[in-house]
Amino acid sequence: MTIKLGVSLPQTTDYDLATDITDAARTAEKIGYDSVWAFERVLLPHDQSGAHGLYGVPDLPWPALYGIVSDPLITLAMAAAVTSRVELGTGVLVAPLHLPVKLAKTLASLDHSSRGRVIAGLGSGWSVDEFAATAPRPIAERGAALDEFLDVAAAVWGPNPVAVNTGRYRIDPADVNPKPARPMPVYLAGSNRTAFRRIARRADGWLPTGISSAETVAGLAQIRQLAEEEGRDPAQIRCVYQIGLVAPLVEVPEGDRKPFTGSAGQLAADIAELAEGGVDHVYATLPYVVRDRNEYYDRLAEFHASVRETVA
């Protein structure tokens, strides 16, 4: 039973972005983590009523920490510059908020310059405010926009000359460089049948969060079955689970404990269940459940040690 272990980088207001991103990346690599991760938030709307709510849920408040979030690709470029081994994951990057050719080239540049360490974790998005501010296509077309990006990226990351015409974007035969240093793994978020079918058809893996170990294992099995129906080897479909921490790493009585809550040791037991079910990579959003940077570094070491005592 083996599993890769990652951790989110500090990107928000509680940290000094000028120093803590690079310090955290160096420290995570030194401790032995396999990956570091960054997420995307463009803005924090003042009006959070109705459709402006978190995840599009009417009136659901956004976390205050979304008020300042560093750009995920800048964050990972900073991490890449001070590390040599850890993988660099986006969890998640909202592809439809970006111009497809520019995003594909930026990801390729990051992967090339980091010598093949990027994991492109992508989602279709949910914020009507972020779509209104930046997206080339309306939120109602977010699924089509994600597919369009995947089409463009496949061309841009492939051999020269690149030629692609989506009907909206066109590259006549041209050289587009640099190329990724390796076939860049693409992981897609989502938990409905449409998302599962998209992953099965054209992604390298699934990036779930907020569900139990049992639900994750069942979902992965379903995606792999769909991949087989698409003529793919189901074993090629991998899974990176995001442990979206919501509380400090403190022991919780087992009878009251929800999945992926409690102490580092209790989280390690949940991770072991994922590993037994075929999940081969997890990462935790550790920076957002600690009091300060000192506790972050303490918990960084503690969490890694607890998981490695339980899961190889």
C-alpha atoms as a PDB file:
ATOM      1  CA  MET A   1       0.000   0.000   0.000  1.00  0.00           C
ATOM      2  CA  THR A   2       1.728   3.161  -1.225  1.00  0.00           C
ATOM      3  CA  ILE A   3       0.512   6.701  -1.738  1.00  0.00           C
ATOM      4  CA  LYS A   4       2.043  10.050  -2.660  1.00  0.00           C
ATOM      5  CA  LEU A   5       1.583  12.829  -0.141  1.00  0.00           C
ATOM      6  CA  GLY A   6       1.287  16.532  -0.875  1.00  0.00           C
ATOM      7  CA  VAL A   7       0.408  19.791   0.836  1.00  0.00           C
ATOM      8  CA  SER A   8      -1.051  23.137  -0.178  1.00  0.00           C
ATOM      9  CA  LEU A   9       1.221  26.160  -0.302  1.00  0.00           C
ATOM     10  CA  PRO A  10       0.291  29.298   1.673  1.00  0.00           C
ATOM     11  CA  GLN A  11      -1.411  31.734  -0.719  1.00  0.00           C
ATOM     12  CA  THR A  12      -3.619  33.928   1.434  1.00  0.00           C
ATOM     13  CA  THR A  13      -3.739  36.898   3.761  1.00  0.00           C
ATOM     14  CA  ASP A  14      -2.466  35.070   6.843  1.00  0.00           C
ATOM     15  CA  TYR A  15       0.976  34.675   5.251  1.00  0.00           C
ATOM     16  CA  ASP A  16       3.745  36.845   3.853  1.00  0.00           C
ATOM     17  CA  LEU A  17       3.493  35.934   0.187  1.00  0.00           C
ATOM     18  CA  ALA A  18       6.942  37.381  -0.498  1.00  0.00           C
ATOM     19  CA  THR A  19       8.670  34.819   1.729  1.00  0.00           C
ATOM     20  CA  ASP A  20       6.308  32.112   2.953  1.00  0.00           C
ATOM     21  CA  ILE A  21       5.539  30.533  -0.438  1.00  0.00           C
ATOM     22  CA  THR A  22       9.179  29.755  -1.147  1.00  0.00           C
ATOM     23  CA  ASP A  23       9.948  28.848   2.469  1.00  0.00           C
ATOM     24  CA  ALA A  24       7.010  26.443   2.570  1.00  0.00           C
ATOM     25  CA  ALA A  25       7.978  24.798  -0.734  1.00  0.00           C
ATOM     26  CA  ARG A  26      11.572  24.273   0.390  1.00  0.00           C
ATOM     27  CA  THR A  27      10.472  22.929   3.762  1.00  0.00           C
ATOM     28  CA  ALA A  28       7.906  20.534   2.288  1.00  0.00           C
ATOM     29  CA  GLU A  29      10.504  19.104  -0.073  1.00  0.00           C
ATOM     30  CA  LYS A  30      13.055  18.749   2.728  1.00  0.00           C
ATOM     31  CA  ILE A  31      10.547  16.944   4.963  1.00  0.00           C
ATOM     32  CA  GLY A  32       9.819  14.497   2.163  1.00  0.00           C
ATOM     33  CA  TYR A  33       6.510  15.557   0.639  1.00  0.00           C
ATOM     34  CA  ASP A  34       5.912  14.427  -2.922  1.00  0.00           C
ATOM     35  CA  SER A  35       3.981  17.465  -4.136  1.00  0.00           C
ATOM     36  CA  VAL A  36       2.935  21.050  -3.394  1.00  0.00           C
ATOM     37  CA  TRP A  37      -0.349  22.570  -4.559  1.00  0.00           C
ATOM     38  CA  ALA A  38      -1.963  25.908  -5.364  1.00  0.00           C
ATOM     39  CA  PHE A  39      -5.590  26.866  -6.011  1.00  0.00           C
ATOM     40  CA  GLU A  40      -7.288  29.615  -7.984  1.00  0.00           C
ATOM     41  CA  ARG A  41      -9.601  32.362  -6.764  1.00  0.00           C
ATOM     42  CA  VAL A  42      -9.867  35.582  -8.739  1.00  0.00           C
ATOM     43  CA  LEU A  43     -11.932  37.719  -6.380  1.00  0.00           C
ATOM     44  CA  LEU A  44     -14.177  37.864  -3.312  1.00  0.00           C
ATOM     45  CA  PRO A  45     -17.565  39.388  -4.199  1.00  0.00           C
ATOM     46  CA  HIS A  46     -19.194  41.750  -1.716  1.00  0.00           C
ATOM     47  CA  ASP A  47     -22.629  40.608  -2.851  1.00  0.00           C
ATOM     48  CA  GLN A  48     -22.880  36.926  -1.898  1.00  0.00           C
ATOM     49  CA  SER A  49     -26.651  36.638  -2.190  1.00  0.00           C
ATOM     50  CA  GLY A  50     -28.480  34.266  -4.486  1.00  0.00           C
ATOM     51  CA  ALA A  51     -26.354  32.887  -7.306  1.00  0.00           C
ATOM     52  CA  HIS A  52     -23.352  34.826  -5.993  1.00  0.00           C
ATOM     53  CA  GLY A  53     -23.013  32.413  -3.074  1.00  0.00           C
ATOM     54  CA  LEU A  54     -20.078  30.054  -2.526  1.00  0.00           C
ATOM     55  CA  TYR A  55     -20.109  27.193  -5.070  1.00  0.00           C
ATOM     56  CA  GLY A  56     -23.182  28.857  -6.590  1.00  0.00           C
ATOM     57  CA  VAL A  57     -25.258  27.791  -3.566  1.00  0.00           C
ATOM     58  CA  PRO A  58     -27.762  30.590  -2.879  1.00  0.00           C
ATOM     59  CA  ASP A  59     -26.605  32.874  -0.072  1.00  0.00           C
ATOM     60  CA  LEU A  60     -23.784  30.580   1.087  1.00  0.00           C
ATOM     61  CA  PRO A  61     -20.994  32.855   2.424  1.00  0.00           C
ATOM     62  CA  TRP A  62     -17.515  32.756   0.941  1.00  0.00           C
ATOM     63  CA  PRO A  63     -14.550  32.227   3.303  1.00  0.00           C
ATOM     64  CA  ALA A  64     -12.854  35.488   4.215  1.00  0.00           C
ATOM     65  CA  LEU A  65      -9.481  34.006   3.214  1.00  0.00           C
ATOM     66  CA  TYR A  66     -10.562  34.266  -0.442  1.00  0.00           C
ATOM     67  CA  GLY A  67     -10.100  38.038  -0.115  1.00  0.00           C
ATOM     68  CA  ILE A  68      -6.433  37.721  -1.083  1.00  0.00           C
ATOM     69  CA  VAL A  69      -5.276  34.637  -2.984  1.00  0.00           C
ATOM     70  CA  SER A  70      -2.053  34.668  -4.965  1.00  0.00           C
ATOM     71  CA  ASP A  71      -2.198  33.513  -8.577  1.00  0.00           C
ATOM     72  CA  PRO A  72      -1.696  29.725  -8.652  1.00  0.00           C
ATOM     73  CA  LEU A  73       0.747  29.630 -11.552  1.00  0.00           C
ATOM     74  CA  ILE A  74       2.865  32.452 -10.115  1.00  0.00           C
ATOM     75  CA  THR A  75       2.792  30.610  -6.783  1.00  0.00           C
ATOM     76  CA  LEU A  76       3.959  27.364  -8.372  1.00  0.00           C
ATOM     77  CA  ALA A  77       6.632  29.152 -10.402  1.00  0.00           C
ATOM     78  CA  MET A  78       8.012  30.544  -7.137  1.00  0.00           C
ATOM     79  CA  ALA A  79       7.959  27.047  -5.653  1.00  0.00           C
ATOM     80  CA  ALA A  80       9.613  25.563  -8.731  1.00  0.00           C
ATOM     81  CA  ALA A  81      12.495  28.023  -8.469  1.00  0.00           C
ATOM     82  CA  VAL A  82      13.514  26.806  -4.992  1.00  0.00           C
ATOM     83  CA  THR A  83      12.834  23.059  -5.327  1.00  0.00           C
ATOM     84  CA  SER A  84      14.064  20.248  -7.525  1.00  0.00           C
ATOM     85  CA  ARG A  85      11.914  17.205  -6.775  1.00  0.00           C
ATOM     86  CA  VAL A  86       8.345  17.919  -5.618  1.00  0.00           C
ATOM     87  CA  GLU A  87       5.563  17.877  -8.181  1.00  0.00           C
ATOM     88  CA  LEU A  88       3.674  21.146  -8.704  1.00  0.00           C
ATOM     89  CA  GLY A  89      -0.097  20.751  -8.756  1.00  0.00           C
ATOM     90  CA  THR A  90      -3.014  23.054  -9.451  1.00  0.00           C
ATOM     91  CA  GLY A  91      -5.969  22.117  -7.299  1.00  0.00           C
ATOM     92  CA  VAL A  92      -7.808  23.489  -9.071  1.00  0.00           C
ATOM     93  CA  LEU A  93      -7.153  25.851 -11.924  1.00  0.00           C
ATOM     94  CA  VAL A  94     -10.401  27.069 -13.511  1.00  0.00           C
ATOM     95  CA  ALA A  95      -9.567  26.615 -17.175  1.00  0.00           C
ATOM     96  CA  PRO A  96     -12.633  28.451 -18.603  1.00  0.00           C
ATOM     97  CA  LEU A  97     -11.510  31.697 -16.922  1.00  0.00           C
ATOM     98  CA  HIS A  98      -8.483  31.823 -19.260  1.00  0.00           C
ATOM     99  CA  LEU A  99      -7.723  32.225 -22.949  1.00  0.00           C
ATOM    100  CA  PRO A 100      -6.960  28.632 -23.984  1.00  0.00           C
ATOM    101  CA  VAL A 101      -3.777  29.171 -26.017  1.00  0.00           C
ATOM    102  CA  LYS A 102      -2.231  31.455 -23.393  1.00  0.00           C
ATOM    103  CA  LEU A 103      -3.041  29.068 -20.538  1.00  0.00           C
ATOM    104  CA  ALA A 104      -1.719  26.058 -22.445  1.00  0.00           C
ATOM    105  CA  LYS A 105       1.541  27.892 -23.191  1.00  0.00           C
ATOM    106  CA  THR A 106       1.916  29.061 -19.576  1.00  0.00           C
ATOM    107  CA  LEU A 107       1.444  25.542 -18.231  1.00  0.00           C
ATOM    108  CA  ALA A 108       3.897  24.196 -20.807  1.00  0.00           C
ATOM    109  CA  SER A 109       6.439  26.846 -19.825  1.00  0.00           C
ATOM    110  CA  LEU A 110       6.105  25.960 -16.130  1.00  0.00           C
ATOM    111  CA  ASP A 111       6.452  22.253 -16.825  1.00  0.00           C
ATOM    112  CA  HIS A 112       9.421  22.776 -19.136  1.00  0.00           C
ATOM    113  CA  SER A 113      11.261  25.038 -16.707  1.00  0.00           C
ATOM    114  CA  SER A 114      10.583  22.731 -13.739  1.00  0.00           C
ATOM    115  CA  ARG A 115      11.828  19.708 -15.709  1.00  0.00           C
ATOM    116  CA  GLY A 116       8.476  17.946 -15.906  1.00  0.00           C
ATOM    117  CA  ARG A 117       6.907  18.429 -12.498  1.00  0.00           C
ATOM    118  CA  VAL A 118       3.501  19.992 -13.245  1.00  0.00           C
ATOM    119  CA  ILE A 119       0.189  18.264 -12.509  1.00  0.00           C
ATOM    120  CA  ALA A 120      -2.573  20.180 -14.274  1.00  0.00           C
ATOM    121  CA  GLY A 121      -5.604  19.889 -12.012  1.00  0.00           C
ATOM    122  CA  LEU A 122      -8.483  21.602 -13.778  1.00  0.00           C
ATOM    123  CA  GLY A 123     -12.094  22.469 -13.066  1.00  0.00           C
ATOM    124  CA  SER A 124     -14.939  24.103 -14.962  1.00  0.00           C
ATOM    125  CA  GLY A 125     -15.696  26.697 -12.271  1.00  0.00           C
ATOM    126  CA  TRP A 126     -18.792  27.831 -10.394  1.00  0.00           C
ATOM    127  CA  SER A 127     -18.547  31.559  -9.593  1.00  0.00           C
ATOM    128  CA  VAL A 128     -20.781  33.821 -11.673  1.00  0.00           C
ATOM    129  CA  ASP A 129     -18.678  36.775 -10.486  1.00  0.00           C
ATOM    130  CA  GLU A 130     -15.376  35.283 -11.645  1.00  0.00           C
ATOM    131  CA  PHE A 131     -16.865  34.386 -15.008  1.00  0.00           C
ATOM    132  CA  ALA A 132     -18.251  37.893 -15.430  1.00  0.00           C
ATOM    133  CA  ALA A 133     -14.844  39.376 -14.588  1.00  0.00           C
ATOM    134  CA  THR A 134     -12.512  37.288 -16.714  1.00  0.00           C
ATOM    135  CA  ALA A 135     -13.985  34.415 -18.718  1.00  0.00           C
ATOM    136  CA  PRO A 136     -13.992  34.439 -22.524  1.00  0.00           C
ATOM    137  CA  ARG A 137     -17.259  32.469 -22.490  1.00  0.00           C
ATOM    138  CA  PRO A 138     -20.307  32.718 -20.169  1.00  0.00           C
ATOM    139  CA  ILE A 139     -20.690  30.403 -17.204  1.00  0.00           C
ATOM    140  CA  ALA A 140     -23.484  28.525 -18.970  1.00  0.00           C
ATOM    141  CA  GLU A 141     -20.847  27.308 -21.451  1.00  0.00           C
ATOM    142  CA  ARG A 142     -18.242  26.284 -18.879  1.00  0.00           C
ATOM    143  CA  GLY A 143     -18.293  22.593 -19.795  1.00  0.00           C
ATOM    144  CA  ALA A 144     -17.808  23.383 -23.481  1.00  0.00           C
ATOM    145  CA  ALA A 145     -15.066  25.864 -22.541  1.00  0.00           C
ATOM    146  CA  LEU A 146     -13.201  23.186 -20.565  1.00  0.00           C
ATOM    147  CA  ASP A 147     -13.433  20.800 -23.521  1.00  0.00           C
ATOM    148  CA  GLU A 148     -12.196  23.567 -25.803  1.00  0.00           C
ATOM    149  CA  PHE A 149      -9.183  24.148 -23.568  1.00  0.00           C
ATOM    150  CA  LEU A 150      -8.359  20.433 -23.582  1.00  0.00           C
ATOM    151  CA  ASP A 151      -8.504  20.443 -27.401  1.00  0.00           C
ATOM    152  CA  VAL A 152      -6.225  23.481 -27.620  1.00  0.00           C
ATOM    153  CA  ALA A 153      -3.799  22.166 -24.997  1.00  0.00           C
ATOM    154  CA  ALA A 154      -3.452  18.823 -26.769  1.00  0.00           C
ATOM    155  CA  ALA A 155      -2.405  20.683 -29.894  1.00  0.00           C
ATOM    156  CA  VAL A 156      -0.130  23.254 -28.206  1.00  0.00           C
ATOM    157  CA  TRP A 157       1.614  20.581 -26.124  1.00  0.00           C
ATOM    158  CA  GLY A 158       2.032  18.328 -29.145  1.00  0.00           C
ATOM    159  CA  PRO A 159       4.628  18.406 -31.904  1.00  0.00           C
ATOM    160  CA  ASN A 160       5.255  21.401 -34.136  1.00  0.00           C
ATOM    161  CA  PRO A 161       3.866  22.655 -36.382  1.00  0.00           C
ATOM    162  CA  VAL A 162       0.786  23.266 -34.244  1.00  0.00           C
ATOM    163  CA  ALA A 163      -2.502  23.665 -36.083  1.00  0.00           C
ATOM    164  CA  VAL A 164      -5.878  23.890 -34.383  1.00  0.00           C
ATOM    165  CA  ASN A 165      -9.249  25.466 -35.157  1.00  0.00           C
ATOM    166  CA  THR A 166     -11.986  25.296 -32.529  1.00  0.00           C
ATOM    167  CA  GLY A 167     -14.250  27.669 -34.421  1.00  0.00           C
ATOM    168  CA  ARG A 168     -13.426  30.313 -31.825  1.00  0.00           C
ATOM    169  CA  TYR A 169      -9.628  30.079 -31.703  1.00  0.00           C
ATOM    170  CA  ARG A 170      -7.350  29.211 -34.588  1.00  0.00           C
ATOM    171  CA  ILE A 171      -3.639  28.533 -34.909  1.00  0.00           C
ATOM    172  CA  ASP A 172      -2.531  28.171 -38.487  1.00  0.00           C
ATOM    173  CA  PRO A 173       0.539  25.928 -38.774  1.00  0.00           C
ATOM    174  CA  ALA A 174       3.082  27.450 -36.405  1.00  0.00           C
ATOM    175  CA  ASP A 175       5.788  26.608 -33.915  1.00  0.00           C
ATOM    176  CA  VAL A 176       4.583  27.003 -30.311  1.00  0.00           C
ATOM    177  CA  ASN A 177       7.280  26.517 -27.695  1.00  0.00           C
ATOM    178  CA  PRO A 178       8.444  25.544 -25.143  1.00  0.00           C
ATOM    179  CA  LYS A 179       6.880  22.128 -24.923  1.00  0.00           C
ATOM    180  CA  PRO A 180       6.169  20.328 -21.645  1.00  0.00           C
ATOM    181  CA  ALA A 181       9.132  18.290 -20.452  1.00  0.00           C
ATOM    182  CA  ARG A 182       6.903  15.217 -20.184  1.00  0.00           C
ATOM    183  CA  PRO A 183       3.356  14.318 -21.213  1.00  0.00           C
ATOM    184  CA  MET A 184       1.710  16.634 -18.695  1.00  0.00           C
ATOM    185  CA  PRO A 185      -0.823  14.769 -16.528  1.00  0.00           C
ATOM    186  CA  VAL A 186      -4.279  16.337 -16.568  1.00  0.00           C
ATOM    187  CA  TYR A 187      -6.631  15.702 -13.657  1.00  0.00           C
ATOM    188  CA  LEU A 188     -10.218  16.937 -13.722  1.00  0.00           C
ATOM    189  CA  ALA A 189     -12.514  17.802 -10.824  1.00  0.00           C
ATOM    190  CA  GLY A 190     -16.233  17.062 -10.731  1.00  0.00           C
ATOM    191  CA  SER A 191     -18.565  14.414  -9.368  1.00  0.00           C
ATOM    192  CA  ASN A 192     -21.471  14.085 -11.798  1.00  0.00           C
ATOM    193  CA  ARG A 193     -21.928  11.706 -14.725  1.00  0.00           C
ATOM    194  CA  THR A 194     -20.853  14.330 -17.277  1.00  0.00           C
ATOM    195  CA  ALA A 195     -17.616  15.003 -15.399  1.00  0.00           C
ATOM    196  CA  PHE A 196     -16.940  11.291 -14.989  1.00  0.00           C
ATOM    197  CA  ARG A 197     -17.434  10.695 -18.708  1.00  0.00           C
ATOM    198  CA  ARG A 198     -15.082  13.576 -19.575  1.00  0.00           C
ATOM    199  CA  ILE A 199     -12.393  12.186 -17.250  1.00  0.00           C
ATOM    200  CA  ALA A 200     -12.820   8.705 -18.671  1.00  0.00           C
ATOM    201  CA  ARG A 201     -12.561   9.969 -22.230  1.00  0.00           C
ATOM    202  CA  ARG A 202      -9.718  12.449 -22.091  1.00  0.00           C
ATOM    203  CA  ALA A 203      -8.022  12.948 -18.714  1.00  0.00           C
ATOM    204  CA  ASP A 204      -5.270  11.168 -16.836  1.00  0.00           C
ATOM    205  CA  GLY A 205      -7.179  11.174 -13.592  1.00  0.00           C
ATOM    206  CA  TRP A 206      -9.747  12.505 -11.162  1.00  0.00           C
ATOM    207  CA  LEU A 207      -9.338  15.240  -8.535  1.00  0.00           C
ATOM    208  CA  PRO A 208     -12.127  14.789  -5.955  1.00  0.00           C
ATOM    209  CA  THR A 209     -12.661  16.534  -2.613  1.00  0.00           C
ATOM    210  CA  GLY A 210     -15.308  16.793   0.092  1.00  0.00           C
ATOM    211  CA  ILE A 211     -16.496  13.177  -0.117  1.00  0.00           C
ATOM    212  CA  SER A 212     -15.776  10.098   1.974  1.00  0.00           C
ATOM    213  CA  SER A 213     -13.182   7.432   1.257  1.00  0.00           C
ATOM    214  CA  ALA A 214     -15.938   4.998   0.266  1.00  0.00           C
ATOM    215  CA  GLU A 215     -17.505   7.504  -2.140  1.00  0.00           C
ATOM    216  CA  THR A 216     -14.113   8.242  -3.637  1.00  0.00           C
ATOM    217  CA  VAL A 217     -13.281   4.592  -4.186  1.00  0.00           C
ATOM    218  CA  ALA A 218     -16.719   3.982  -5.739  1.00  0.00           C
ATOM    219  CA  GLY A 219     -16.377   7.028  -7.976  1.00  0.00           C
ATOM    220  CA  LEU A 220     -12.934   5.975  -9.160  1.00  0.00           C
ATOM    221  CA  ALA A 221     -14.269   2.514 -10.004  1.00  0.00           C
ATOM    222  CA  GLN A 222     -17.090   4.091 -12.008  1.00  0.00           C
ATOM    223  CA  ILE A 223     -14.696   6.333 -13.943  1.00  0.00           C
ATOM    224  CA  ARG A 224     -12.442   3.388 -14.717  1.00  0.00           C
ATOM    225  CA  GLN A 225     -15.421   1.414 -16.002  1.00  0.00           C
ATOM    226  CA  LEU A 226     -16.360   4.325 -18.251  1.00  0.00           C
ATOM    227  CA  ALA A 227     -12.757   4.529 -19.459  1.00  0.00           C
ATOM    228  CA  GLU A 228     -12.891   0.883 -20.444  1.00  0.00           C
ATOM    229  CA  GLU A 229     -16.081   1.593 -22.396  1.00  0.00           C
ATOM    230  CA  GLU A 230     -14.153   4.361 -24.177  1.00  0.00           C
ATOM    231  CA  GLY A 231     -11.498   1.854 -25.207  1.00  0.00           C
ATOM    232  CA  ARG A 232      -8.902   3.013 -22.682  1.00  0.00           C
ATOM    233  CA  ASP A 233      -6.940   0.975 -20.172  1.00  0.00           C
ATOM    234  CA  PRO A 234      -8.811   1.679 -16.905  1.00  0.00           C
ATOM    235  CA  ALA A 235      -5.587   1.291 -14.937  1.00  0.00           C
ATOM    236  CA  GLN A 236      -4.340   4.468 -16.615  1.00  0.00           C
ATOM    237  CA  ILE A 237      -6.936   6.539 -14.729  1.00  0.00           C
ATOM    238  CA  ARG A 238      -5.411   7.802 -11.493  1.00  0.00           C
ATOM    239  CA  CYS A 239      -6.791   9.777  -8.577  1.00  0.00           C
ATOM    240  CA  VAL A 240      -5.464  12.657  -6.473  1.00  0.00           C
ATOM    241  CA  TYR A 241      -7.683  13.305  -3.448  1.00  0.00           C
ATOM    242  CA  GLN A 242      -7.759  16.809  -1.974  1.00  0.00           C
ATOM    243  CA  ILE A 243      -8.172  16.707   1.800  1.00  0.00           C
ATOM    244  CA  GLY A 244      -9.996  19.988   2.300  1.00  0.00           C
ATOM    245  CA  LEU A 245      -9.276  20.532   5.965  1.00  0.00           C
ATOM    246  CA  VAL A 246     -11.921  22.465   7.891  1.00  0.00           C
ATOM    247  CA  ALA A 247     -10.562  22.331  11.451  1.00  0.00           C
ATOM    248  CA  PRO A 248      -7.206  22.141  13.279  1.00  0.00           C
ATOM    249  CA  LEU A 249      -5.495  18.761  13.550  1.00  0.00           C
ATOM    250  CA  VAL A 250      -6.847  17.887  16.996  1.00  0.00           C
ATOM    251  CA  GLU A 251      -8.021  14.472  18.229  1.00  0.00           C
ATOM    252  CA  VAL A 252     -11.783  13.928  17.846  1.00  0.00           C
ATOM    253  CA  PRO A 253     -13.746  11.119  19.562  1.00  0.00           C
ATOM    254  CA  GLU A 254     -14.244   8.437  16.923  1.00  0.00           C
ATOM    255  CA  GLY A 255     -18.004   8.273  17.432  1.00  0.00           C
ATOM    256  CA  ASP A 256     -18.312  11.966  16.595  1.00  0.00           C
ATOM    257  CA  ARG A 257     -15.679  12.179  13.886  1.00  0.00           C
ATOM    258  CA  LYS A 258     -16.471  13.040  10.300  1.00  0.00           C
ATOM    259  CA  PRO A 259     -14.154  11.759   7.526  1.00  0.00           C
ATOM    260  CA  PHE A 260     -10.896  13.688   7.172  1.00  0.00           C
ATOM    261  CA  THR A 261     -11.198  15.477  10.482  1.00  0.00           C
ATOM    262  CA  GLY A 262      -9.317  15.031  13.742  1.00  0.00           C
ATOM    263  CA  SER A 263      -5.651  14.547  14.518  1.00  0.00           C
ATOM    264  CA  ALA A 264      -2.876  13.837  12.064  1.00  0.00           C
ATOM    265  CA  GLY A 265      -3.067  10.186  13.103  1.00  0.00           C
ATOM    266  CA  GLN A 266      -6.816  10.020  12.462  1.00  0.00           C
ATOM    267  CA  LEU A 267      -6.354  11.601   9.044  1.00  0.00           C
ATOM    268  CA  ALA A 268      -3.667   9.024   8.314  1.00  0.00           C
ATOM    269  CA  ALA A 269      -6.224   6.259   8.914  1.00  0.00           C
ATOM    270  CA  ASP A 270      -8.585   7.865   6.386  1.00  0.00           C
ATOM    271  CA  ILE A 271      -5.733   8.130   3.892  1.00  0.00           C
ATOM    272  CA  ALA A 272      -4.964   4.441   4.376  1.00  0.00           C
ATOM    273  CA  GLU A 273      -8.541   3.635   3.320  1.00  0.00           C
ATOM    274  CA  LEU A 274      -8.050   5.671   0.150  1.00  0.00           C
ATOM    275  CA  ALA A 275      -4.789   3.877  -0.618  1.00  0.00           C
ATOM    276  CA  GLU A 276      -6.429   0.483  -0.151  1.00  0.00           C
ATOM    277  CA  GLY A 277      -9.123   1.556  -2.613  1.00  0.00           C
ATOM    278  CA  GLY A 278      -6.689   2.497  -5.369  1.00  0.00           C
ATOM    279  CA  VAL A 279      -6.094   6.211  -4.744  1.00  0.00           C
ATOM    280  CA  ASP A 280      -2.390   6.867  -5.241  1.00  0.00           C
ATOM    281  CA  HIS A 281      -1.963  10.542  -4.286  1.00  0.00           C
ATOM    282  CA  VAL A 282      -3.461  12.873  -1.659  1.00  0.00           C
ATOM    283  CA  TYR A 283      -2.760  16.400  -0.521  1.00  0.00           C
ATOM    284  CA  ALA A 284      -4.003  18.460   2.419  1.00  0.00           C
ATOM    285  CA  THR A 285      -4.973  22.138   2.597  1.00  0.00           C
ATOM    286  CA  LEU A 286      -2.936  22.530   5.764  1.00  0.00           C
ATOM    287  CA  PRO A 287      -2.135  26.282   5.632  1.00  0.00           C
ATOM    288  CA  TYR A 288      -5.752  27.240   6.313  1.00  0.00           C
ATOM    289  CA  VAL A 289      -6.354  25.411   9.621  1.00  0.00           C
ATOM    290  CA  VAL A 290      -3.384  26.699  11.616  1.00  0.00           C
ATOM    291  CA  ARG A 291      -2.933  29.851  13.709  1.00  0.00           C
ATOM    292  CA  ASP A 292       0.278  31.118  12.166  1.00  0.00           C
ATOM    293  CA  ARG A 293       3.307  30.204  10.063  1.00  0.00           C
ATOM    294  CA  ASN A 294       5.118  28.566  13.013  1.00  0.00           C
ATOM    295  CA  GLU A 295       2.248  26.166  13.614  1.00  0.00           C
ATOM    296  CA  TYR A 296       2.099  25.511   9.869  1.00  0.00           C
ATOM    297  CA  TYR A 297       5.678  24.239   9.861  1.00  0.00           C
ATOM    298  CA  ASP A 298       5.100  22.164  13.000  1.00  0.00           C
ATOM    299  CA  ARG A 299       1.998  20.555  11.532  1.00  0.00           C
ATOM    300  CA  LEU A 300       3.741  20.062   8.201  1.00  0.00           C
ATOM    301  CA  ALA A 301       6.271  17.742   9.831  1.00  0.00           C
ATOM    302  CA  GLU A 302       3.719  16.075  12.115  1.00  0.00           C
ATOM    303  CA  PHE A 303       1.268  15.306   9.318  1.00  0.00           C
ATOM    304  CA  HIS A 304       3.951  13.815   7.086  1.00  0.00           C
ATOM    305  CA  ALA A 305       5.318  11.623   9.884  1.00  0.00           C
ATOM    306  CA  SER A 306       1.845  10.373  10.893  1.00  0.00           C
ATOM    307  CA  VAL A 307       0.889   9.423   7.355  1.00  0.00           C
ATOM    308  CA  ARG A 308       4.185   7.693   6.673  1.00  0.00           C
ATOM    309  CA  GLU A 309       3.836   5.647   9.866  1.00  0.00           C
ATOM    310  CA  THR A 310       0.495   4.345   8.567  1.00  0.00           C
ATOM    311  CA  VAL A 311       0.892   4.332   4.778  1.00  0.00           C
ATOM    312  CA  ALA A 312       4.188   3.644   3.028  1.00  0.00           C
END
